């Protein structure tokens, strides 16, 4: 991956609907060459998927919480259990006082409480500590180093 690929990734993260002609022009390539570069980035797994960024509050996900999950056992094999809870946007095995960190979006604090109950149903979960975000200053896309 070179600087042209990194620039293409940055442009696509800003707006994945850009035409290959516009992408190519921005990085000094033809539309065909830009298309070929993007195709290779997809095939190699650098670009995992193309998606749309939705305003969570506009679709009933205005409550954002980060939950530290404590456990009585290794949680490394529990990924599918966490993924089965649709309100969880991310789940990470972490080092430190907790075992797993999850990012949760719900519409209400009552729904958040229900998610916490469901987390306790996962084998090995022994506790949770939730932190509710009051405001998000920013969220960044993945940095490509350019």
Protein backbone atom coordinates (compact mmCIF):
# COMPACT_ATOMS: atom_id res chain seq x y z
CA UNK A 1 0.00 0.00 0.00
CA UNK A 2 1.47 3.35 -1.04
CA UNK A 3 0.57 7.02 -0.54
CA UNK A 4 -1.91 6.94 -3.46
CA UNK A 5 -3.78 4.05 -1.82
CA UNK A 6 -3.79 5.92 1.49
CA UNK A 7 -5.16 9.06 -0.17
CA UNK A 8 -7.87 6.99 -1.88
CA UNK A 9 -8.82 5.48 1.49
CA UNK A 10 -9.07 8.93 3.06
CA UNK A 11 -11.27 10.18 0.21
CA UNK A 12 -13.51 7.11 0.40
CA UNK A 13 -13.89 7.49 4.16
CA UNK A 14 -15.06 11.06 3.60
CA UNK A 15 -17.57 10.02 0.92
CA UNK A 16 -17.70 6.48 -0.42
CA UNK A 17 -20.12 7.50 -3.19
CA UNK A 18 -17.52 9.49 -5.12
CA UNK A 19 -17.13 8.56 -8.77
CA UNK A 20 -13.89 6.86 -9.78
CA UNK A 21 -13.23 9.82 -12.11
CA UNK A 22 -13.32 12.22 -9.14
CA UNK A 23 -11.18 9.89 -7.01
CA UNK A 24 -8.66 9.51 -9.82
CA UNK A 25 -8.49 13.24 -10.43
CA UNK A 26 -7.86 13.88 -6.72
CA UNK A 27 -4.89 11.49 -6.65
CA UNK A 28 -3.53 11.98 -10.19
CA UNK A 29 -4.88 8.78 -11.77
CA UNK A 30 -7.36 7.92 -14.49
CA UNK A 31 -10.81 6.71 -13.47
CA UNK A 32 -9.86 3.19 -14.54
CA UNK A 33 -6.65 3.19 -12.53
CA UNK A 34 -8.49 4.51 -9.46
CA UNK A 35 -11.13 1.79 -9.88
CA UNK A 36 -8.42 -0.88 -10.12
CA UNK A 37 -6.70 0.43 -6.97
CA UNK A 38 -9.96 0.40 -5.01
CA UNK A 39 -10.76 -3.11 -6.30
CA UNK A 40 -7.38 -4.36 -5.05
CA UNK A 41 -7.92 -2.68 -1.68
CA UNK A 42 -11.25 -4.54 -1.39
CA UNK A 43 -9.81 -7.88 -2.48
CA UNK A 44 -6.92 -7.62 -0.03
CA UNK A 45 -9.29 -6.85 2.87
CA UNK A 46 -8.04 -3.31 3.50
CA UNK A 47 -11.53 -2.08 2.61
CA UNK A 48 -13.80 -4.41 4.56
CA UNK A 49 -17.12 -2.98 3.42
CA UNK A 50 -18.81 0.14 2.10
CA UNK A 51 -21.49 1.53 4.35
CA UNK A 52 -23.52 4.61 5.28
CA UNK A 53 -22.98 6.65 8.43
CA UNK A 54 -26.35 7.14 10.15
CA UNK A 55 -27.12 9.65 12.90
CA UNK A 56 -27.86 7.33 15.86
CA UNK A 57 -30.24 9.79 17.55
CA UNK A 58 -32.30 10.07 14.36
CA UNK A 59 -33.04 6.34 14.46
CA UNK A 60 -33.65 5.90 18.17
CA UNK A 61 -30.09 5.37 19.40
CA UNK A 62 -29.51 8.59 21.31
CA UNK A 63 -28.14 6.97 24.49
CA UNK A 64 -24.48 6.03 24.12
CA UNK A 65 -22.74 4.06 26.84
CA UNK A 66 -19.43 2.33 27.27
CA UNK A 67 -19.63 -0.70 29.53
CA UNK A 68 -16.74 -2.42 31.26
CA UNK A 69 -17.62 -6.08 31.70
CA UNK A 70 -16.06 -8.02 34.57
CA UNK A 71 -15.78 -11.78 34.40
CA UNK A 72 -14.97 -14.82 36.45
CA UNK A 73 -13.47 -16.61 33.44
CA UNK A 74 -11.61 -15.92 30.20
CA UNK A 75 -14.05 -14.23 27.81
CA UNK A 76 -12.04 -14.72 24.62
CA UNK A 77 -14.41 -17.38 23.34
CA UNK A 78 -17.58 -15.35 24.01
CA UNK A 79 -17.59 -13.12 20.93
CA UNK A 80 -20.73 -14.70 19.47
CA UNK A 81 -22.61 -14.16 22.74
CA UNK A 82 -21.78 -10.46 22.71
CA UNK A 83 -22.56 -10.18 18.98
CA UNK A 84 -26.03 -11.64 19.66
CA UNK A 85 -27.00 -8.44 21.52
CA UNK A 86 -27.96 -6.06 18.69
CA UNK A 87 -27.52 -2.88 20.74
CA UNK A 88 -23.79 -3.59 21.10
CA UNK A 89 -21.90 -1.73 18.40
CA UNK A 90 -18.46 -2.92 19.44
CA UNK A 91 -16.98 -5.45 21.84
CA UNK A 92 -13.29 -5.68 22.73
CA UNK A 93 -11.27 -8.03 24.94
CA UNK A 94 -9.14 -5.68 27.04
CA UNK A 95 -6.30 -5.73 29.53
CA UNK A 96 -6.88 -4.14 32.91
CA UNK A 97 -9.42 -4.42 35.68
CA UNK A 98 -12.24 -5.52 33.34
CA UNK A 99 -12.27 -8.25 30.71
CA UNK A 100 -14.40 -6.76 27.94
CA UNK A 101 -15.29 -3.24 26.83
CA UNK A 102 -18.51 -2.77 24.87
CA UNK A 103 -20.03 0.22 23.10
CA UNK A 104 -23.81 0.31 23.46
CA UNK A 105 -26.45 2.46 21.72
CA UNK A 106 -30.05 2.48 22.93
CA UNK A 107 -32.99 4.87 22.79
CA UNK A 108 -33.54 5.16 26.53
CA UNK A 109 -31.79 4.43 29.81
CA UNK A 110 -34.43 1.77 30.45
CA UNK A 111 -33.30 0.01 27.27
CA UNK A 112 -29.70 0.36 28.44
CA UNK A 113 -30.68 -1.32 31.70
CA UNK A 114 -32.18 -4.20 29.70
CA UNK A 115 -28.91 -4.57 27.76
CA UNK A 116 -27.01 -4.75 31.05
CA UNK A 117 -29.35 -7.54 32.19
CA UNK A 118 -28.65 -9.45 28.97
CA UNK A 119 -24.91 -9.02 29.45
CA UNK A 120 -25.22 -10.77 32.82
CA UNK A 121 -26.79 -13.75 31.02
CA UNK A 122 -23.49 -14.39 29.20
CA UNK A 123 -21.62 -17.19 30.92
CA UNK A 124 -18.71 -15.87 32.98
CA UNK A 125 -19.95 -12.26 33.27
CA UNK A 126 -19.75 -11.25 36.92
CA UNK A 127 -20.27 -7.49 36.79
CA UNK A 128 -20.62 -4.37 34.68
CA UNK A 129 -19.73 -0.73 35.01
CA UNK A 130 -21.51 1.57 32.57
CA UNK A 131 -20.49 5.09 31.63
CA UNK A 132 -23.08 7.11 29.72
CA UNK A 133 -21.75 9.69 27.25
CA UNK A 134 -23.49 13.05 27.54
CA UNK A 135 -22.08 14.50 24.33
CA UNK A 136 -19.74 13.34 21.57
CA UNK A 137 -17.18 15.90 20.46
CA UNK A 138 -16.08 13.86 17.45
CA UNK A 139 -15.57 10.38 16.07
CA UNK A 140 -12.77 9.76 13.60
CA UNK A 141 -12.42 7.31 10.75
CA UNK A 142 -9.36 5.03 10.72
CA UNK A 143 -6.16 7.00 10.11
CA UNK A 144 -4.21 5.94 7.03
CA UNK A 145 -1.09 7.86 7.94
CA UNK A 146 -1.34 10.42 5.11
